[in-house]
């Protein structure tokens, strides 16, 4: 099975956008502080990411499914920290 160049670009984009959440997760976890994070922004973002994940499942698009599944988990972790460290 070979991956075409369009899928490869999608996977690269997915990896970059998804890993962009990791520094925020690490900072929130280490500092145990989230006052500068907007709860509403992350709730809206999480909802949008969840819907993109569903969309990816419906059209069976691997980059969309992977990126949004992982991003959704990271957003949920940030929201958990936001609520826990309030």
C-alpha atoms as a PDB file:
ATOM      1  CA  UNK A   1       0.000   0.000   0.000  1.00  0.00           C
ATOM      2  CA  UNK A   2       1.506   3.323  -0.995  1.00  0.00           C
ATOM      3  CA  UNK A   3       0.562   6.739   0.297  1.00  0.00           C
ATOM      4  CA  UNK A   4      -0.019   9.327  -2.402  1.00  0.00           C
ATOM      5  CA  UNK A   5       1.435  12.834  -2.163  1.00  0.00           C
ATOM      6  CA  UNK A   6      -1.913  14.421  -1.257  1.00  0.00           C
ATOM      7  CA  UNK A   7      -2.343  12.063   1.709  1.00  0.00           C
ATOM      8  CA  UNK A   8       1.270  12.685   2.710  1.00  0.00           C
ATOM      9  CA  UNK A   9       0.686  16.461   2.728  1.00  0.00           C
ATOM     10  CA  UNK A  10      -2.462  15.894   4.797  1.00  0.00           C
ATOM     11  CA  UNK A  11      -0.593  13.728   7.288  1.00  0.00           C
ATOM     12  CA  UNK A  12       2.193  16.316   7.606  1.00  0.00           C
ATOM     13  CA  UNK A  13      -0.334  19.113   8.132  1.00  0.00           C
ATOM     14  CA  UNK A  14      -2.147  16.937  10.680  1.00  0.00           C
ATOM     15  CA  UNK A  15       1.074  16.230  12.571  1.00  0.00           C
ATOM     16  CA  UNK A  16       2.030  19.909  12.732  1.00  0.00           C
ATOM     17  CA  UNK A  17      -1.364  21.251  13.806  1.00  0.00           C
ATOM     18  CA  UNK A  18      -1.906  18.455  16.304  1.00  0.00           C
ATOM     19  CA  UNK A  19       1.483  18.763  17.967  1.00  0.00           C
ATOM     20  CA  UNK A  20       0.907  22.508  18.385  1.00  0.00           C
ATOM     21  CA  UNK A  21      -1.280  21.680  21.415  1.00  0.00           C
ATOM     22  CA  UNK A  22       1.437  19.730  23.212  1.00  0.00           C
ATOM     23  CA  UNK A  23       3.364  22.749  24.588  1.00  0.00           C
ATOM     24  CA  UNK A  24       0.139  24.099  26.133  1.00  0.00           C
ATOM     25  CA  UNK A  25      -0.663  20.738  27.703  1.00  0.00           C
ATOM     26  CA  UNK A  26       2.860  20.471  29.146  1.00  0.00           C
ATOM     27  CA  UNK A  27       2.853  24.051  30.441  1.00  0.00           C
ATOM     28  CA  UNK A  28      -0.583  23.652  32.062  1.00  0.00           C
ATOM     29  CA  UNK A  29       0.452  20.365  33.659  1.00  0.00           C
ATOM     30  CA  UNK A  30       3.794  21.636  34.975  1.00  0.00           C
ATOM     31  CA  UNK A  31       2.562  25.013  36.237  1.00  0.00           C
ATOM     32  CA  UNK A  32      -0.818  23.700  37.445  1.00  0.00           C
ATOM     33  CA  UNK A  33      -2.245  27.013  36.285  1.00  0.00           C
ATOM     34  CA  UNK A  34      -4.566  27.912  33.389  1.00  0.00           C
ATOM     35  CA  UNK A  35      -5.876  31.406  34.119  1.00  0.00           C
ATOM     36  CA  UNK A  36      -4.655  32.712  30.745  1.00  0.00           C
ATOM     37  CA  UNK A  37      -6.570  30.046  28.822  1.00  0.00           C
ATOM     38  CA  UNK A  38     -10.061  30.920  27.599  1.00  0.00           C
ATOM     39  CA  UNK A  39     -12.556  28.252  28.661  1.00  0.00           C
ATOM     40  CA  UNK A  40     -15.056  29.298  25.984  1.00  0.00           C
ATOM     41  CA  UNK A  41     -12.450  29.270  23.237  1.00  0.00           C
ATOM     42  CA  UNK A  42     -11.376  25.737  24.104  1.00  0.00           C
ATOM     43  CA  UNK A  43     -14.997  24.550  24.415  1.00  0.00           C
ATOM     44  CA  UNK A  44     -15.799  25.919  20.961  1.00  0.00           C
ATOM     45  CA  UNK A  45     -12.524  24.607  19.538  1.00  0.00           C
ATOM     46  CA  UNK A  46     -13.140  21.168  21.043  1.00  0.00           C
ATOM     47  CA  UNK A  47     -16.618  21.041  19.544  1.00  0.00           C
ATOM     48  CA  UNK A  48     -15.272  22.016  16.136  1.00  0.00           C
ATOM     49  CA  UNK A  49     -12.474  19.455  16.312  1.00  0.00           C
ATOM     50  CA  UNK A  50     -14.964  16.764  17.325  1.00  0.00           C
ATOM     51  CA  UNK A  51     -17.153  17.614  14.333  1.00  0.00           C
ATOM     52  CA  UNK A  52     -14.108  17.515  11.999  1.00  0.00           C
ATOM     53  CA  UNK A  53     -13.310  14.085  13.434  1.00  0.00           C
ATOM     54  CA  UNK A  54     -16.861  12.894  12.680  1.00  0.00           C
ATOM     55  CA  UNK A  55     -16.592  14.385   9.193  1.00  0.00           C
ATOM     56  CA  UNK A  56     -13.309  12.543   8.641  1.00  0.00           C
ATOM     57  CA  UNK A  57     -14.919   9.290   9.722  1.00  0.00           C
ATOM     58  CA  UNK A  58     -17.848   9.840   7.378  1.00  0.00           C
ATOM     59  CA  UNK A  59     -15.624  10.498   4.357  1.00  0.00           C
ATOM     60  CA  UNK A  60     -13.013   7.963   5.543  1.00  0.00           C
ATOM     61  CA  UNK A  61     -10.104  10.423   5.322  1.00  0.00           C
ATOM     62  CA  UNK A  62      -7.150   9.172   7.382  1.00  0.00           C
ATOM     63  CA  UNK A  63      -5.350  12.522   7.910  1.00  0.00           C
ATOM     64  CA  UNK A  64      -8.576  14.217   9.035  1.00  0.00           C
ATOM     65  CA  UNK A  65      -9.454  11.347  11.372  1.00  0.00           C
ATOM     66  CA  UNK A  66      -5.980  11.093  12.941  1.00  0.00           C
ATOM     67  CA  UNK A  67      -5.379  14.806  13.358  1.00  0.00           C
ATOM     68  CA  UNK A  68      -8.731  15.545  14.862  1.00  0.00           C
ATOM     69  CA  UNK A  69      -8.839  12.480  17.110  1.00  0.00           C
ATOM     70  CA  UNK A  70      -5.495  13.343  18.682  1.00  0.00           C
ATOM     71  CA  UNK A  71      -6.262  17.076  18.782  1.00  0.00           C
ATOM     72  CA  UNK A  72      -9.583  16.366  20.486  1.00  0.00           C
ATOM     73  CA  UNK A  73      -7.859  14.343  23.204  1.00  0.00           C
ATOM     74  CA  UNK A  74      -5.323  17.148  23.778  1.00  0.00           C
ATOM     75  CA  UNK A  75      -8.072  19.792  23.942  1.00  0.00           C
ATOM     76  CA  UNK A  76      -9.983  17.655  26.453  1.00  0.00           C
ATOM     77  CA  UNK A  77      -6.809  17.416  28.576  1.00  0.00           C
ATOM     78  CA  UNK A  78      -6.410  21.202  28.482  1.00  0.00           C
ATOM     79  CA  UNK A  79     -10.089  21.645  29.425  1.00  0.00           C
ATOM     80  CA  UNK A  80      -9.624  19.175  32.279  1.00  0.00           C
ATOM     81  CA  UNK A  81      -6.680  21.224  33.570  1.00  0.00           C
ATOM     82  CA  UNK A  82      -8.687  24.430  33.113  1.00  0.00           C
ATOM     83  CA  UNK A  83     -11.515  23.084  35.284  1.00  0.00           C
ATOM     84  CA  UNK A  84      -9.249  21.333  37.791  1.00  0.00           C
ATOM     85  CA  UNK A  85      -6.882  24.261  38.394  1.00  0.00           C
ATOM     86  CA  UNK A  86      -9.600  26.918  38.491  1.00  0.00           C
END
